[in-house]
PDB file of N, CA and C in Angstrom:
ATOM      1  N   MET A   1    -153.924 154.149  88.366  1.00  0.00           N
ATOM      2  CA  MET A   1    -153.664 152.794  87.917  1.00  0.00           C
ATOM      3  C   MET A   1    -152.446 152.760  87.008  1.00  0.00           C
ATOM      4  N   GLU A   2    -152.215 153.847  86.291  1.00  0.00           N
ATOM      5  CA  GLU A   2    -151.123 153.863  85.331  1.00  0.00           C
ATOM      6  C   GLU A   2    -149.762 153.801  86.025  1.00  0.00           C
ATOM      7  N   GLY A   3    -149.649 154.331  87.205  1.00  0.00           N
ATOM      8  CA  GLY A   3    -148.384 154.341  87.922  1.00  0.00           C
ATOM      9  C   GLY A   3    -147.974 152.973  88.446  1.00  0.00           C
ATOM     10  N   SER A   4    -148.925 152.035  88.575  1.00  0.00           N
ATOM     11  CA  SER A   4    -148.605 150.724  89.139  1.00  0.00           C
ATOM     12  C   SER A   4    -148.057 149.757  88.090  1.00  0.00           C
ATOM     13  N   GLN A   5    -148.200 150.079  86.819  1.00  0.00           N
ATOM     14  CA  GLN A   5    -147.719 149.184  85.764  1.00  0.00           C
ATOM     15  C   GLN A   5    -146.364 149.654  85.256  1.00  0.00           C
ATOM     16  N   ALA A   6    -145.443 148.702  85.085  1.00  0.00           N
ATOM     17  CA  ALA A   6    -144.130 149.040  84.537  1.00  0.00           C
ATOM     18  C   ALA A   6    -144.255 149.220  83.032  1.00  0.00           C
ATOM     19  N   LYS A   7    -143.664 150.267  82.521  1.00  0.00           N
ATOM     20  CA  LYS A   7    -143.695 150.514  81.083  1.00  0.00           C
ATOM     21  C   LYS A   7    -142.443 149.967  80.432  1.00  0.00           C
ATOM     22  N   PHE A   8    -142.613 149.480  79.228  1.00  0.00           N
ATOM     23  CA  PHE A   8    -141.488 148.928  78.476  1.00  0.00           C
ATOM     24  C   PHE A   8    -140.717 150.060  77.829  1.00  0.00           C
ATOM     25  N   ASP A   9    -139.414 150.087  78.073  1.00  0.00           N
ATOM     26  CA  ASP A   9    -138.547 151.094  77.465  1.00  0.00           C
ATOM     27  C   ASP A   9    -137.502 150.361  76.621  1.00  0.00           C
ATOM     28  N   PRO A  10    -137.629 150.408  75.285  1.00  0.00           N
ATOM     29  CA  PRO A  10    -136.702 149.653  74.433  1.00  0.00           C
ATOM     30  C   PRO A  10    -135.254 150.130  74.543  1.00  0.00           C
ATOM     31  N   ASP A  11    -135.043 151.371  74.972  1.00  0.00           N
ATOM     32  CA  ASP A  11    -133.674 151.876  75.105  1.00  0.00           C
ATOM     33  C   ASP A  11    -132.965 151.306  76.327  1.00  0.00           C
ATOM     34  N   ARG A  12    -133.725 150.889  77.318  1.00  0.00           N
ATOM     35  CA  ARG A  12    -133.129 150.369  78.546  1.00  0.00           C
ATOM     36  C   ARG A  12    -133.230 148.853  78.655  1.00  0.00           C
ATOM     37  N   TYR A  13    -133.851 148.196  77.672  1.00  0.00           N
ATOM     38  CA  TYR A  13    -134.052 146.745  77.736  1.00  0.00           C
ATOM     39  C   TYR A  13    -132.719 146.013  77.628  1.00  0.00           C
ATOM     40  N   GLN A  14    -132.467 145.117  78.556  1.00  0.00           N
ATOM     41  CA  GLN A  14    -131.202 144.389  78.605  1.00  0.00           C
ATOM     42  C   GLN A  14    -131.317 142.969  78.065  1.00  0.00           C
ATOM     43  N   GLY A  15    -132.492 142.547  77.689  1.00  0.00           N
ATOM     44  CA  GLY A  15    -132.675 141.192  77.189  1.00  0.00           C
ATOM     45  C   GLY A  15    -133.021 140.236  78.310  1.00  0.00           C
ATOM     46  N   SER A  16    -133.189 139.002  77.936  1.00  0.00           N
ATOM     47  CA  SER A  16    -133.526 137.967  78.913  1.00  0.00           C
ATOM     48  C   SER A  16    -132.254 137.435  79.552  1.00  0.00           C
ATOM     49  N   PRO A  17    -132.268 137.189  80.852  1.00  0.00           N
ATOM     50  CA  PRO A  17    -131.074 136.616  81.479  1.00  0.00           C
ATOM     51  C   PRO A  17    -130.868 135.156  81.081  1.00  0.00           C
ATOM     52  N   ASN A  18    -131.885 134.506  80.522  1.00  0.00           N
ATOM     53  CA  ASN A  18    -131.799 133.095  80.171  1.00  0.00           C
ATOM     54  C   ASN A  18    -131.397 132.845  78.724  1.00  0.00           C
ATOM     55  N   VAL A  19    -131.637 133.806  77.841  1.00  0.00           N
ATOM     56  CA  VAL A  19    -131.389 133.606  76.412  1.00  0.00           C
ATOM     57  C   VAL A  19    -130.631 134.813  75.883  1.00  0.00           C
ATOM     58  N   SER A  20    -129.522 134.548  75.207  1.00  0.00           N
ATOM     59  CA  SER A  20    -128.758 135.660  74.626  1.00  0.00           C
ATOM     60  C   SER A  20    -129.235 135.930  73.202  1.00  0.00           C
ATOM     61  N   VAL A  21    -128.901 137.085  72.692  1.00  0.00           N
ATOM     62  CA  VAL A  21    -129.261 137.445  71.323  1.00  0.00           C
ATOM     63  C   VAL A  21    -128.581 136.495  70.342  1.00  0.00           C
ATOM     64  N   THR A  22    -127.357 136.077  70.649  1.00  0.00           N
ATOM     65  CA  THR A  22    -126.634 135.143  69.778  1.00  0.00           C
ATOM     66  C   THR A  22    -127.396 133.822  69.654  1.00  0.00           C
ATOM     67  N   ASP A  23    -127.968 133.362  70.758  1.00  0.00           N
ATOM     68  CA  ASP A  23    -128.767 132.134  70.710  1.00  0.00           C
ATOM     69  C   ASP A  23    -129.975 132.301  69.793  1.00  0.00           C
ATOM     70  N   GLY A  24    -130.597 133.457  69.839  1.00  0.00           N
ATOM     71  CA  GLY A  24    -131.738 133.725  68.964  1.00  0.00           C
ATOM     72  C   GLY A  24    -131.348 133.696  67.502  1.00  0.00           C
ATOM     73  N   TYR A  25    -130.219 134.334  67.164  1.00  0.00           N
ATOM     74  CA  TYR A  25    -129.745 134.301  65.781  1.00  0.00           C
ATOM     75  C   TYR A  25    -129.394 132.881  65.354  1.00  0.00           C
ATOM     76  N   LEU A  26    -128.798 132.120  66.252  1.00  0.00           N
ATOM     77  CA  LEU A  26    -128.424 130.742  65.951  1.00  0.00           C
ATOM     78  C   LEU A  26    -129.656 129.890  65.674  1.00  0.00           C
ATOM     79  N   VAL A  27    -130.681 130.007  66.496  1.00  0.00           N
ATOM     80  CA  VAL A  27    -131.902 129.232  66.306  1.00  0.00           C
ATOM     81  C   VAL A  27    -132.603 129.638  65.008  1.00  0.00           C
ATOM     82  N   ALA A  28    -132.669 130.928  64.729  1.00  0.00           N
ATOM     83  CA  ALA A  28    -133.306 131.391  63.497  1.00  0.00           C
ATOM     84  C   ALA A  28    -132.539 130.901  62.270  1.00  0.00           C
ATOM     85  N   GLY A  29    -131.205 130.970  62.324  1.00  0.00           N
ATOM     86  CA  GLY A  29    -130.398 130.500  61.201  1.00  0.00           C
ATOM     87  C   GLY A  29    -130.512 128.996  60.990  1.00  0.00           C
ATOM     88  N   LEU A  30    -130.465 128.240  62.082  1.00  0.00           N
ATOM     89  CA  LEU A  30    -130.610 126.785  61.964  1.00  0.00           C
ATOM     90  C   LEU A  30    -132.008 126.394  61.477  1.00  0.00           C
ATOM     91  N   GLY A  31    -133.008 127.146  61.887  1.00  0.00           N
ATOM     92  CA  GLY A  31    -134.363 126.887  61.406  1.00  0.00           C
ATOM     93  C   GLY A  31    -134.477 127.106  59.908  1.00  0.00           C
ATOM     94  N   ALA A  32    -133.877 128.200  59.416  1.00  0.00           N
ATOM     95  CA  ALA A  32    -133.914 128.480  57.977  1.00  0.00           C
ATOM     96  C   ALA A  32    -133.133 127.417  57.198  1.00  0.00           C
ATOM     97  N   LEU A  33    -131.986 127.022  57.713  1.00  0.00           N
ATOM     98  CA  LEU A  33    -131.196 125.983  57.038  1.00  0.00           C
ATOM     99  C   LEU A  33    -131.915 124.642  57.029  1.00  0.00           C
ATOM    100  N   SER A  34    -132.556 124.293  58.124  1.00  0.00           N
ATOM    101  CA  SER A  34    -133.272 123.017  58.154  1.00  0.00           C
ATOM    102  C   SER A  34    -134.463 123.047  57.206  1.00  0.00           C
ATOM    103  N   PHE A  35    -135.148 124.190  57.100  1.00  0.00           N
ATOM    104  CA  PHE A  35    -136.239 124.311  56.134  1.00  0.00           C
ATOM    105  C   PHE A  35    -135.724 124.106  54.716  1.00  0.00           C
ATOM    106  N   LEU A  36    -134.592 124.743  54.394  1.00  0.00           N
ATOM    107  CA  LEU A  36    -134.026 124.576  53.053  1.00  0.00           C
ATOM    108  C   LEU A  36    -133.620 123.126  52.793  1.00  0.00           C
ATOM    109  N   LEU A  37    -133.027 122.488  53.786  1.00  0.00           N
ATOM    110  CA  LEU A  37    -132.625 121.098  53.640  1.00  0.00           C
ATOM    111  C   LEU A  37    -133.832 120.192  53.396  1.00  0.00           C
ATOM    112  N   VAL A  38    -134.877 120.359  54.198  1.00  0.00           N
ATOM    113  CA  VAL A  38    -136.087 119.553  54.005  1.00  0.00           C
ATOM    114  C   VAL A  38    -136.690 119.828  52.638  1.00  0.00           C
ATOM    115  N   ASN A  39    -136.706 121.081  52.223  1.00  0.00           N
ATOM    116  CA  ASN A  39    -137.261 121.442  50.921  1.00  0.00           C
ATOM    117  C   ASN A  39    -136.471 120.779  49.790  1.00  0.00           C
ATOM    118  N   PHE A  40    -135.138 120.793  49.875  1.00  0.00           N
ATOM    119  CA  PHE A  40    -134.316 120.160  48.837  1.00  0.00           C
ATOM    120  C   PHE A  40    -134.492 118.648  48.822  1.00  0.00           C
ATOM    121  N   VAL A  41    -134.624 118.043  49.987  1.00  0.00           N
ATOM    122  CA  VAL A  41    -134.847 116.594  50.054  1.00  0.00           C
ATOM    123  C   VAL A  41    -136.195 116.235  49.426  1.00  0.00           C
ATOM    124  N   VAL A  42    -137.220 117.025  49.719  1.00  0.00           N
ATOM    125  CA  VAL A  42    -138.541 116.766  49.148  1.00  0.00           C
ATOM    126  C   VAL A  42    -138.510 116.937  47.630  1.00  0.00           C
ATOM    127  N   ILE A  43    -137.778 117.926  47.147  1.00  0.00           N
ATOM    128  CA  ILE A  43    -137.646 118.118  45.698  1.00  0.00           C
ATOM    129  C   ILE A  43    -136.913 116.926  45.086  1.00  0.00           C
ATOM    130  N   ALA A  44    -135.864 116.446  45.754  1.00  0.00           N
ATOM    131  CA  ALA A  44    -135.091 115.317  45.236  1.00  0.00           C
ATOM    132  C   ALA A  44    -135.932 114.044  45.197  1.00  0.00           C
ATOM    133  N   ILE A  45    -136.763 113.838  46.211  1.00  0.00           N
ATOM    134  CA  ILE A  45    -137.615 112.651  46.225  1.00  0.00           C
ATOM    135  C   ILE A  45    -138.649 112.737  45.112  1.00  0.00           C
ATOM    136  N   GLY A  46    -139.215 113.895  44.948  1.00  0.00           N
ATOM    137  CA  GLY A  46    -140.207 114.101  43.903  1.00  0.00           C
ATOM    138  C   GLY A  46    -141.567 113.558  44.304  1.00  0.00           C
ATOM    139  N   PRO A  47    -142.594 114.003  43.618  1.00  0.00           N
ATOM    140  CA  PRO A  47    -143.937 113.547  43.961  1.00  0.00           C
ATOM    141  C   PRO A  47    -144.180 112.114  43.492  1.00  0.00           C
ATOM    142  N   SER A  48    -145.179 111.508  44.092  1.00  0.00           N
ATOM    143  CA  SER A  48    -145.592 110.170  43.692  1.00  0.00           C
ATOM    144  C   SER A  48    -146.128 110.214  42.266  1.00  0.00           C
ATOM    145  N   ARG A  49    -146.112 109.091  41.610  1.00  0.00           N
ATOM    146  CA  ARG A  49    -146.623 109.062  40.229  1.00  0.00           C
ATOM    147  C   ARG A  49    -148.131 109.266  40.193  1.00  0.00           C
ATOM    148  N   HIS A  50    -148.784 109.169  41.349  1.00  0.00           N
ATOM    149  CA  HIS A  50    -150.222 109.366  41.420  1.00  0.00           C
ATOM    150  C   HIS A  50    -150.611 110.829  41.529  1.00  0.00           C
ATOM    151  N   VAL A  51    -149.626 111.708  41.774  1.00  0.00           N
ATOM    152  CA  VAL A  51    -149.916 113.135  41.928  1.00  0.00           C
ATOM    153  C   VAL A  51    -150.152 113.743  40.558  1.00  0.00           C
ATOM    154  N   LYS A  52    -151.289 114.398  40.449  1.00  0.00           N
ATOM    155  CA  LYS A  52    -151.614 115.101  39.206  1.00  0.00           C
ATOM    156  C   LYS A  52    -151.805 116.566  39.540  1.00  0.00           C
ATOM    157  N   GLY A  53    -151.439 117.424  38.647  1.00  0.00           N
ATOM    158  CA  GLY A  53    -151.628 118.852  38.887  1.00  0.00           C
ATOM    159  C   GLY A  53    -150.353 119.520  39.359  1.00  0.00           C
ATOM    160  N   ASP A  54    -150.519 120.481  40.252  1.00  0.00           N
ATOM    161  CA  ASP A  54    -149.411 121.311  40.712  1.00  0.00           C
ATOM    162  C   ASP A  54    -148.448 120.533  41.606  1.00  0.00           C
ATOM    163  N   LYS A  55    -147.221 120.411  41.150  1.00  0.00           N
ATOM    164  CA  LYS A  55    -146.210 119.710  41.947  1.00  0.00           C
ATOM    165  C   LYS A  55    -145.756 120.562  43.135  1.00  0.00           C
ATOM    166  N   TRP A  56    -145.778 121.900  42.989  1.00  0.00           N
ATOM    167  CA  TRP A  56    -145.396 122.773  44.096  1.00  0.00           C
ATOM    168  C   TRP A  56    -146.362 122.620  45.257  1.00  0.00           C
ATOM    169  N   ARG A  57    -147.636 122.340  44.980  1.00  0.00           N
ATOM    170  CA  ARG A  57    -148.617 122.165  46.054  1.00  0.00           C
ATOM    171  C   ARG A  57    -148.311 120.901  46.848  1.00  0.00           C
ATOM    172  N   TRP A  58    -147.926 119.843  46.147  1.00  0.00           N
ATOM    173  CA  TRP A  58    -147.532 118.604  46.815  1.00  0.00           C
ATOM    174  C   TRP A  58    -146.315 118.851  47.700  1.00  0.00           C
ATOM    175  N   ARG A  59    -145.320 119.556  47.164  1.00  0.00           N
ATOM    176  CA  ARG A  59    -144.104 119.843  47.924  1.00  0.00           C
ATOM    177  C   ARG A  59    -144.418 120.694  49.153  1.00  0.00           C
ATOM    178  N   ASN A  60    -145.240 121.708  48.981  1.00  0.00           N
ATOM    179  CA  ASN A  60    -145.596 122.582  50.096  1.00  0.00           C
ATOM    180  C   ASN A  60    -146.345 121.809  51.180  1.00  0.00           C
ATOM    181  N   THR A  61    -147.249 120.935  50.769  1.00  0.00           N
ATOM    182  CA  THR A  61    -147.998 120.133  51.738  1.00  0.00           C
ATOM    183  C   THR A  61    -147.079 119.177  52.488  1.00  0.00           C
ATOM    184  N   LEU A  62    -146.159 118.541  51.787  1.00  0.00           N
ATOM    185  CA  LEU A  62    -145.253 117.597  52.439  1.00  0.00           C
ATOM    186  C   LEU A  62    -144.303 118.311  53.408  1.00  0.00           C
ATOM    187  N   VAL A  63    -143.775 119.450  53.017  1.00  0.00           N
ATOM    188  CA  VAL A  63    -142.896 120.208  53.911  1.00  0.00           C
ATOM    189  C   VAL A  63    -143.679 120.670  55.144  1.00  0.00           C
ATOM    190  N   SER A  64    -144.918 121.099  54.965  1.00  0.00           N
ATOM    191  CA  SER A  64    -145.748 121.513  56.099  1.00  0.00           C
ATOM    192  C   SER A  64    -146.038 120.330  57.009  1.00  0.00           C
ATOM    193  N   TRP A  65    -146.288 119.161  56.432  1.00  0.00           N
ATOM    194  CA  TRP A  65    -146.549 117.965  57.219  1.00  0.00           C
ATOM    195  C   TRP A  65    -145.315 117.582  58.044  1.00  0.00           C
ATOM    196  N   ILE A  66    -144.145 117.622  57.424  1.00  0.00           N
ATOM    197  CA  ILE A  66    -142.904 117.313  58.144  1.00  0.00           C
ATOM    198  C   ILE A  66    -142.702 118.305  59.289  1.00  0.00           C
ATOM    199  N   HIS A  67    -142.970 119.574  59.028  1.00  0.00           N
ATOM    200  CA  HIS A  67    -142.855 120.601  60.062  1.00  0.00           C
ATOM    201  C   HIS A  67    -143.804 120.302  61.221  1.00  0.00           C
ATOM    202  N   ALA A  68    -145.041 119.926  60.914  1.00  0.00           N
ATOM    203  CA  ALA A  68    -146.025 119.622  61.952  1.00  0.00           C
ATOM    204  C   ALA A  68    -145.613 118.407  62.776  1.00  0.00           C
ATOM    205  N   VAL A  69    -145.072 117.386  62.120  1.00  0.00           N
ATOM    206  CA  VAL A  69    -144.630 116.192  62.847  1.00  0.00           C
ATOM    207  C   VAL A  69    -143.472 116.537  63.779  1.00  0.00           C
ATOM    208  N   CYS A  70    -142.516 117.309  63.288  1.00  0.00           N
ATOM    209  CA  CYS A  70    -141.375 117.696  64.126  1.00  0.00           C
ATOM    210  C   CYS A  70    -141.830 118.500  65.338  1.00  0.00           C
ATOM    211  N   LEU A  71    -142.714 119.473  65.128  1.00  0.00           N
ATOM    212  CA  LEU A  71    -143.190 120.284  66.252  1.00  0.00           C
ATOM    213  C   LEU A  71    -144.039 119.474  67.205  1.00  0.00           C
ATOM    214  N   GLY A  72    -144.842 118.555  66.685  1.00  0.00           N
ATOM    215  CA  GLY A  72    -145.656 117.716  67.547  1.00  0.00           C
ATOM    216  C   GLY A  72    -144.791 116.821  68.431  1.00  0.00           C
ATOM    217  N   LEU A  73    -143.761 116.236  67.852  1.00  0.00           N
ATOM    218  CA  LEU A  73    -142.855 115.389  68.633  1.00  0.00           C
ATOM    219  C   LEU A  73    -142.093 116.216  69.671  1.00  0.00           C
ATOM    220  N   TRP A  74    -141.675 117.420  69.278  1.00  0.00           N
ATOM    221  CA  TRP A  74    -140.956 118.285  70.211  1.00  0.00           C
ATOM    222  C   TRP A  74    -141.868 118.698  71.367  1.00  0.00           C
ATOM    223  N   THR A  75    -143.143 118.946  71.061  1.00  0.00           N
ATOM    224  CA  THR A  75    -144.091 119.308  72.107  1.00  0.00           C
ATOM    225  C   THR A  75    -144.304 118.158  73.082  1.00  0.00           C
ATOM    226  N   LEU A  76    -144.396 116.948  72.571  1.00  0.00           N
ATOM    227  CA  LEU A  76    -144.561 115.795  73.453  1.00  0.00           C
ATOM    228  C   LEU A  76    -143.313 115.556  74.301  1.00  0.00           C
ATOM    229  N   TYR A  77    -142.158 115.861  73.744  1.00  0.00           N
ATOM    230  CA  TYR A  77    -140.920 115.686  74.484  1.00  0.00           C
ATOM    231  C   TYR A  77    -140.877 116.638  75.646  1.00  0.00           C
TER     232      TYR A  77
END
């Protein structure tokens, strides 16, 4: 059974014909930049006056919510 399965060899891997390594770096970099941008915007807006307690928790929840909305819309698209 072992002979019928192809083994992965990282030294011979050529990558995907559909996606280049540069595209992967670009997507990862743009993702990090967009996260930072959303985080700075949320900090600039600040929490509602009704928020009591940890302000970082409010910021983390809002950034996570924005992330979920973006991914949900992208999935529907």
